[in-house]
Amino acid sequence: MPFRSFILAAAAVAALTGTASAETIRPLDGGSVRLGDLAGVAYYTSEPKGYRVVVTLARTEVSRAVRFEAVLAQGQSVILSTPQELGAAADSIEISRTGDTVAVSRPRPVPAREAAALN
């Protein structure tokens, strides 16, 4: 499947899925994810140290994709986020592993905190 068609299909599925509950994904089968104006897929493989979660995201069918990887042991999770305008909560997804299940969900929005550099 060409990358352009892949991203369009992922975006369509992401738009149709609810964001209030977690969606489980299966090894190598994966599922669609949406993070702000980025769309793509998440999947995992089993490794001796845990489950390697791979998320590939792109802004449009013509932009270069970004890939994120993490190995999750039982009970671990990781959050991917994109900043929003000043003072707004970041747009985020959480990928968590419970036993043999990996789920993608939207965590509760947390108010943005701004940091300042000290001179």
N, C-alpha and C. Protein backbone atom coordinates (compact mmCIF):
# COMPACT_ATOMS: atom_id res chain seq x y z
N MET A 1 0.86 -1.18 0.00
CA MET A 1 0.00 0.00 0.00
C MET A 1 0.90 1.23 0.00
N PRO A 2 0.70 2.16 -0.93
CA PRO A 2 1.51 3.38 -0.94
C PRO A 2 1.34 4.15 0.36
N PHE A 3 2.40 4.86 0.77
CA PHE A 3 2.39 5.58 2.04
C PHE A 3 1.24 6.58 2.09
N ARG A 4 0.97 7.25 0.98
CA ARG A 4 -0.12 8.24 0.94
C ARG A 4 -1.46 7.59 1.28
N SER A 5 -1.75 6.44 0.65
CA SER A 5 -3.00 5.73 0.93
C SER A 5 -3.04 5.25 2.37
N PHE A 6 -1.89 4.80 2.86
CA PHE A 6 -1.79 4.32 4.23
C PHE A 6 -2.17 5.42 5.22
N ILE A 7 -1.61 6.61 5.04
CA ILE A 7 -1.90 7.72 5.95
C ILE A 7 -3.36 8.14 5.85
N LEU A 8 -3.90 8.19 4.64
CA LEU A 8 -5.30 8.56 4.48
C LEU A 8 -6.21 7.54 5.16
N ALA A 9 -5.90 6.25 5.01
CA ALA A 9 -6.69 5.22 5.66
C ALA A 9 -6.58 5.32 7.18
N ALA A 10 -5.37 5.55 7.68
CA ALA A 10 -5.17 5.69 9.12
C ALA A 10 -5.94 6.88 9.66
N ALA A 11 -5.93 7.99 8.93
CA ALA A 11 -6.65 9.18 9.38
C ALA A 11 -8.15 8.94 9.40
N ALA A 12 -8.66 8.22 8.39
CA ALA A 12 -10.09 7.94 8.34
C ALA A 12 -10.52 7.06 9.50
N VAL A 13 -9.74 6.02 9.78
CA VAL A 13 -10.07 5.13 10.90
C VAL A 13 -9.97 5.89 12.22
N ALA A 14 -8.95 6.72 12.37
CA ALA A 14 -8.78 7.48 13.61
C ALA A 14 -9.95 8.43 13.83
N ALA A 15 -10.46 9.02 12.76
CA ALA A 15 -11.58 9.95 12.89
C ALA A 15 -12.85 9.23 13.32
N LEU A 16 -12.97 7.94 12.97
CA LEU A 16 -14.18 7.20 13.29
C LEU A 16 -14.14 6.53 14.65
N THR A 17 -12.96 6.40 15.25
CA THR A 17 -12.86 5.73 16.54
C THR A 17 -13.08 6.71 17.67
N GLY A 18 -13.67 6.23 18.75
CA GLY A 18 -13.89 7.07 19.92
C GLY A 18 -12.59 7.30 20.65
N THR A 19 -12.50 8.45 21.34
CA THR A 19 -11.27 8.76 22.06
C THR A 19 -11.44 8.65 23.57
N ALA A 20 -12.62 8.28 24.03
CA ALA A 20 -12.85 8.25 25.47
C ALA A 20 -12.33 6.97 26.11
N SER A 21 -12.22 5.89 25.35
CA SER A 21 -11.77 4.63 25.94
C SER A 21 -10.55 4.10 25.20
N ALA A 22 -9.88 3.17 25.83
CA ALA A 22 -8.67 2.60 25.24
C ALA A 22 -9.03 1.61 24.15
N GLU A 23 -8.20 1.57 23.13
CA GLU A 23 -8.36 0.61 22.05
C GLU A 23 -7.18 -0.35 22.12
N THR A 24 -7.45 -1.64 22.29
CA THR A 24 -6.35 -2.59 22.36
C THR A 24 -5.83 -2.89 20.95
N ILE A 25 -4.54 -3.18 20.89
CA ILE A 25 -3.93 -3.54 19.62
C ILE A 25 -3.29 -4.91 19.77
N ARG A 26 -3.11 -5.63 18.66
CA ARG A 26 -2.53 -6.97 18.67
C ARG A 26 -1.12 -6.92 18.11
N PRO A 27 -0.29 -7.90 18.48
CA PRO A 27 1.09 -7.92 17.97
C PRO A 27 1.11 -7.87 16.44
N LEU A 28 1.95 -7.02 15.89
CA LEU A 28 2.16 -6.84 14.46
C LEU A 28 0.93 -6.41 13.68
N ASP A 29 -0.26 -6.45 14.27
CA ASP A 29 -1.49 -6.05 13.58
C ASP A 29 -1.70 -4.55 13.70
N GLY A 30 -1.51 -4.03 14.89
CA GLY A 30 -1.55 -2.59 15.11
C GLY A 30 -2.92 -1.96 15.04
N GLY A 31 -2.91 -0.64 15.19
CA GLY A 31 -4.11 0.15 15.15
C GLY A 31 -3.78 1.58 14.79
N SER A 32 -4.78 2.31 14.38
CA SER A 32 -4.59 3.70 13.97
C SER A 32 -4.51 4.60 15.19
N VAL A 33 -3.68 5.63 15.10
CA VAL A 33 -3.56 6.63 16.15
C VAL A 33 -3.59 8.01 15.53
N ARG A 34 -4.07 8.97 16.29
CA ARG A 34 -4.10 10.36 15.84
C ARG A 34 -3.62 11.22 16.99
N LEU A 35 -2.71 12.12 16.69
CA LEU A 35 -2.13 13.00 17.70
C LEU A 35 -2.11 14.40 17.10
N GLY A 36 -3.15 15.19 17.43
CA GLY A 36 -3.28 16.51 16.81
C GLY A 36 -3.47 16.35 15.32
N ASP A 37 -2.62 17.00 14.52
CA ASP A 37 -2.74 16.87 13.06
C ASP A 37 -1.81 15.79 12.51
N LEU A 38 -1.28 14.93 13.39
CA LEU A 38 -0.47 13.79 12.97
C LEU A 38 -1.33 12.53 12.99
N ALA A 39 -1.17 11.68 12.01
CA ALA A 39 -1.90 10.42 11.95
C ALA A 39 -0.94 9.30 11.60
N GLY A 40 -1.25 8.09 12.07
CA GLY A 40 -0.39 6.96 11.75
C GLY A 40 -0.86 5.69 12.41
N VAL A 41 0.10 4.80 12.68
CA VAL A 41 -0.23 3.51 13.27
C VAL A 41 0.68 3.21 14.45
N ALA A 42 0.18 2.32 15.34
CA ALA A 42 0.95 1.81 16.47
C ALA A 42 0.84 0.30 16.45
N TYR A 43 1.96 -0.39 16.68
CA TYR A 43 1.95 -1.84 16.80
C TYR A 43 3.02 -2.25 17.81
N TYR A 44 3.06 -3.54 18.17
CA TYR A 44 4.10 -4.00 19.07
C TYR A 44 4.55 -5.40 18.71
N THR A 45 5.75 -5.74 19.17
CA THR A 45 6.31 -7.08 19.04
C THR A 45 6.82 -7.50 20.42
N SER A 46 6.84 -8.79 20.66
CA SER A 46 7.32 -9.32 21.94
C SER A 46 8.82 -9.51 21.88
N GLU A 47 9.52 -9.06 22.93
CA GLU A 47 10.97 -9.21 23.06
C GLU A 47 11.26 -9.76 24.45
N PRO A 48 12.45 -10.29 24.68
CA PRO A 48 12.76 -10.84 26.01
C PRO A 48 12.59 -9.83 27.15
N LYS A 49 12.88 -8.54 26.92
CA LYS A 49 12.78 -7.53 27.98
C LYS A 49 11.39 -6.93 28.10
N GLY A 50 10.50 -7.19 27.16
CA GLY A 50 9.16 -6.61 27.19
C GLY A 50 8.59 -6.51 25.80
N TYR A 51 7.57 -5.69 25.65
CA TYR A 51 6.93 -5.47 24.36
C TYR A 51 7.49 -4.21 23.73
N ARG A 52 8.03 -4.31 22.51
CA ARG A 52 8.53 -3.13 21.79
C ARG A 52 7.35 -2.50 21.07
N VAL A 53 6.99 -1.30 21.51
CA VAL A 53 5.90 -0.54 20.91
C VAL A 53 6.50 0.40 19.87
N VAL A 54 5.92 0.41 18.68
CA VAL A 54 6.40 1.26 17.59
C VAL A 54 5.24 2.11 17.11
N VAL A 55 5.44 3.43 17.08
CA VAL A 55 4.43 4.37 16.59
C VAL A 55 5.05 5.16 15.45
N THR A 56 4.37 5.17 14.30
CA THR A 56 4.83 5.94 13.15
C THR A 56 3.76 6.97 12.83
N LEU A 57 4.17 8.25 12.77
CA LEU A 57 3.24 9.35 12.56
C LEU A 57 3.73 10.25 11.43
N ALA A 58 2.79 10.84 10.69
CA ALA A 58 3.12 11.82 9.67
C ALA A 58 2.03 12.88 9.65
N ARG A 59 2.42 14.09 9.28
CA ARG A 59 1.47 15.20 9.20
C ARG A 59 0.58 15.08 7.97
N THR A 60 1.16 14.80 6.83
CA THR A 60 0.41 14.63 5.59
C THR A 60 1.04 13.51 4.79
N GLU A 61 0.40 13.14 3.71
CA GLU A 61 0.93 12.07 2.88
C GLU A 61 2.24 12.44 2.19
N VAL A 62 2.59 13.72 2.16
CA VAL A 62 3.82 14.13 1.48
C VAL A 62 4.95 14.46 2.45
N SER A 63 4.66 14.52 3.74
CA SER A 63 5.73 14.84 4.69
C SER A 63 6.42 13.56 5.17
N ARG A 64 7.60 13.72 5.66
CA ARG A 64 8.37 12.59 6.17
C ARG A 64 7.78 12.13 7.51
N ALA A 65 7.68 10.83 7.69
CA ALA A 65 7.11 10.26 8.92
C ALA A 65 8.13 10.31 10.06
N VAL A 66 7.61 10.27 11.28
CA VAL A 66 8.42 10.20 12.49
C VAL A 66 8.08 8.88 13.17
N ARG A 67 9.10 8.15 13.65
CA ARG A 67 8.87 6.89 14.33
C ARG A 67 9.36 6.99 15.77
N PHE A 68 8.57 6.45 16.69
CA PHE A 68 8.89 6.40 18.12
C PHE A 68 8.86 4.94 18.54
N GLU A 69 9.84 4.49 19.31
CA GLU A 69 9.88 3.12 19.80
C GLU A 69 10.18 3.09 21.29
N ALA A 70 9.54 2.17 22.00
CA ALA A 70 9.79 1.98 23.43
C ALA A 70 9.51 0.52 23.77
N VAL A 71 10.27 -0.04 24.70
CA VAL A 71 10.01 -1.39 25.19
C VAL A 71 9.28 -1.26 26.51
N LEU A 72 8.07 -1.85 26.57
CA LEU A 72 7.24 -1.76 27.77
C LEU A 72 7.20 -3.10 28.50
N ALA A 73 7.63 -3.11 29.75
CA ALA A 73 7.47 -4.29 30.60
C ALA A 73 6.05 -4.27 31.17
N GLN A 74 5.66 -5.36 31.79
CA GLN A 74 4.34 -5.46 32.41
C GLN A 74 4.08 -4.26 33.31
N GLY A 75 2.93 -3.60 33.14
CA GLY A 75 2.54 -2.48 34.00
C GLY A 75 3.10 -1.13 33.59
N GLN A 76 3.90 -1.06 32.54
CA GLN A 76 4.47 0.22 32.12
C GLN A 76 3.61 0.89 31.06
N SER A 77 3.81 2.20 30.92
CA SER A 77 3.12 2.97 29.89
C SER A 77 4.02 4.10 29.43
N VAL A 78 3.67 4.67 28.29
CA VAL A 78 4.40 5.80 27.73
C VAL A 78 3.38 6.77 27.14
N ILE A 79 3.67 8.06 27.24
CA ILE A 79 2.78 9.08 26.70
C ILE A 79 3.51 9.83 25.60
N LEU A 80 2.85 10.00 24.46
CA LEU A 80 3.34 10.83 23.36
C LEU A 80 2.45 12.06 23.32
N SER A 81 3.05 13.24 23.15
CA SER A 81 2.24 14.45 23.15
C SER A 81 2.78 15.48 22.17
N THR A 82 1.89 16.36 21.76
CA THR A 82 2.26 17.50 20.94
C THR A 82 1.77 18.75 21.65
N PRO A 83 2.60 19.78 21.72
CA PRO A 83 2.18 21.01 22.40
C PRO A 83 1.09 21.73 21.61
N GLN A 84 0.33 22.51 22.32
CA GLN A 84 -0.72 23.33 21.71
C GLN A 84 -0.37 24.80 21.97
N GLU A 85 -1.33 25.68 21.77
CA GLU A 85 -1.07 27.09 22.01
C GLU A 85 -0.77 27.34 23.49
N LEU A 86 -0.16 28.45 23.79
CA LEU A 86 0.25 28.81 25.14
C LEU A 86 -0.93 28.69 26.10
N GLY A 87 -0.72 27.96 27.19
CA GLY A 87 -1.74 27.80 28.22
C GLY A 87 -2.71 26.66 28.00
N ALA A 88 -2.68 26.03 26.83
CA ALA A 88 -3.60 24.93 26.54
C ALA A 88 -2.93 23.59 26.87
N ALA A 89 -3.74 22.60 27.19
CA ALA A 89 -3.22 21.26 27.47
C ALA A 89 -2.68 20.64 26.19
N ALA A 90 -1.63 19.86 26.32
CA ALA A 90 -1.04 19.17 25.17
C ALA A 90 -2.01 18.11 24.66
N ASP A 91 -1.97 17.83 23.36
CA ASP A 91 -2.73 16.74 22.77
C ASP A 91 -1.88 15.50 22.96
N SER A 92 -2.44 14.42 23.54
CA SER A 92 -1.59 13.28 23.85
C SER A 92 -2.32 11.95 23.71
N ILE A 93 -1.53 10.89 23.56
CA ILE A 93 -2.03 9.52 23.61
C ILE A 93 -1.15 8.77 24.59
N GLU A 94 -1.73 7.77 25.27
CA GLU A 94 -0.98 6.93 26.19
C GLU A 94 -1.04 5.50 25.70
N ILE A 95 0.11 4.83 25.66
CA ILE A 95 0.18 3.43 25.27
C ILE A 95 0.61 2.68 26.52
N SER A 96 -0.21 1.71 26.95
CA SER A 96 0.07 1.00 28.19
C SER A 96 0.02 -0.50 27.98
N ARG A 97 0.79 -1.21 28.80
CA ARG A 97 0.79 -2.67 28.75
C ARG A 97 0.31 -3.21 30.08
N THR A 98 -0.70 -4.07 30.02
CA THR A 98 -1.21 -4.78 31.19
C THR A 98 -1.25 -6.25 30.82
N GLY A 99 -0.35 -7.04 31.39
CA GLY A 99 -0.26 -8.45 31.03
C GLY A 99 0.12 -8.59 29.57
N ASP A 100 -0.69 -9.31 28.81
CA ASP A 100 -0.44 -9.50 27.39
C ASP A 100 -1.24 -8.53 26.52
N THR A 101 -1.80 -7.49 27.13
CA THR A 101 -2.63 -6.53 26.40
C THR A 101 -1.93 -5.19 26.30
N VAL A 102 -1.92 -4.62 25.09
CA VAL A 102 -1.40 -3.28 24.86
C VAL A 102 -2.57 -2.43 24.41
N ALA A 103 -2.75 -1.27 25.04
CA ALA A 103 -3.89 -0.40 24.74
C ALA A 103 -3.41 1.01 24.46
N VAL A 104 -4.13 1.69 23.56
CA VAL A 104 -3.88 3.09 23.23
C VAL A 104 -5.08 3.88 23.69
N SER A 105 -4.85 4.93 24.49
CA SER A 105 -5.95 5.75 24.99
C SER A 105 -5.53 7.21 25.06
N ARG A 106 -6.49 8.06 25.33
CA ARG A 106 -6.23 9.48 25.52
C ARG A 106 -6.29 9.77 27.01
N PRO A 107 -5.14 10.16 27.62
CA PRO A 107 -5.18 10.49 29.05
C PRO A 107 -5.97 11.77 29.29
N ARG A 108 -6.38 11.94 30.52
CA ARG A 108 -7.10 13.15 30.91
C ARG A 108 -6.22 14.38 30.68
N PRO A 109 -6.76 15.44 30.10
CA PRO A 109 -5.95 16.64 29.85
C PRO A 109 -5.41 17.23 31.15
N VAL A 110 -4.15 17.61 31.11
CA VAL A 110 -3.50 18.24 32.26
C VAL A 110 -3.17 19.67 31.84
N PRO A 111 -3.47 20.66 32.68
CA PRO A 111 -3.16 22.04 32.30
C PRO A 111 -1.68 22.20 31.98
N ALA A 112 -1.40 23.00 30.97
CA ALA A 112 -0.02 23.21 30.56
C ALA A 112 0.76 23.97 31.63
N ARG A 113 2.01 23.60 31.78
CA ARG A 113 2.90 24.30 32.68
C ARG A 113 4.03 24.86 31.85
N GLU A 114 4.33 26.11 32.06
CA GLU A 114 5.37 26.76 31.29
C GLU A 114 6.66 26.80 32.11
N ALA A 115 7.76 26.62 31.44
CA ALA A 115 9.06 26.66 32.10
C ALA A 115 9.84 27.85 31.56
N ALA A 116 10.66 28.42 32.40
CA ALA A 116 11.49 29.54 31.99
C ALA A 116 12.94 29.19 32.28
N ALA A 117 13.84 29.62 31.41
CA ALA A 117 15.27 29.38 31.60
C ALA A 117 15.80 30.38 32.62
N LEU A 118 16.68 29.88 33.48
CA LEU A 118 17.33 30.76 34.46
C LEU A 118 18.64 31.27 33.87
N ASN A 119 18.91 32.54 34.07
CA ASN A 119 20.17 33.10 33.56
C ASN A 119 21.25 33.01 34.56
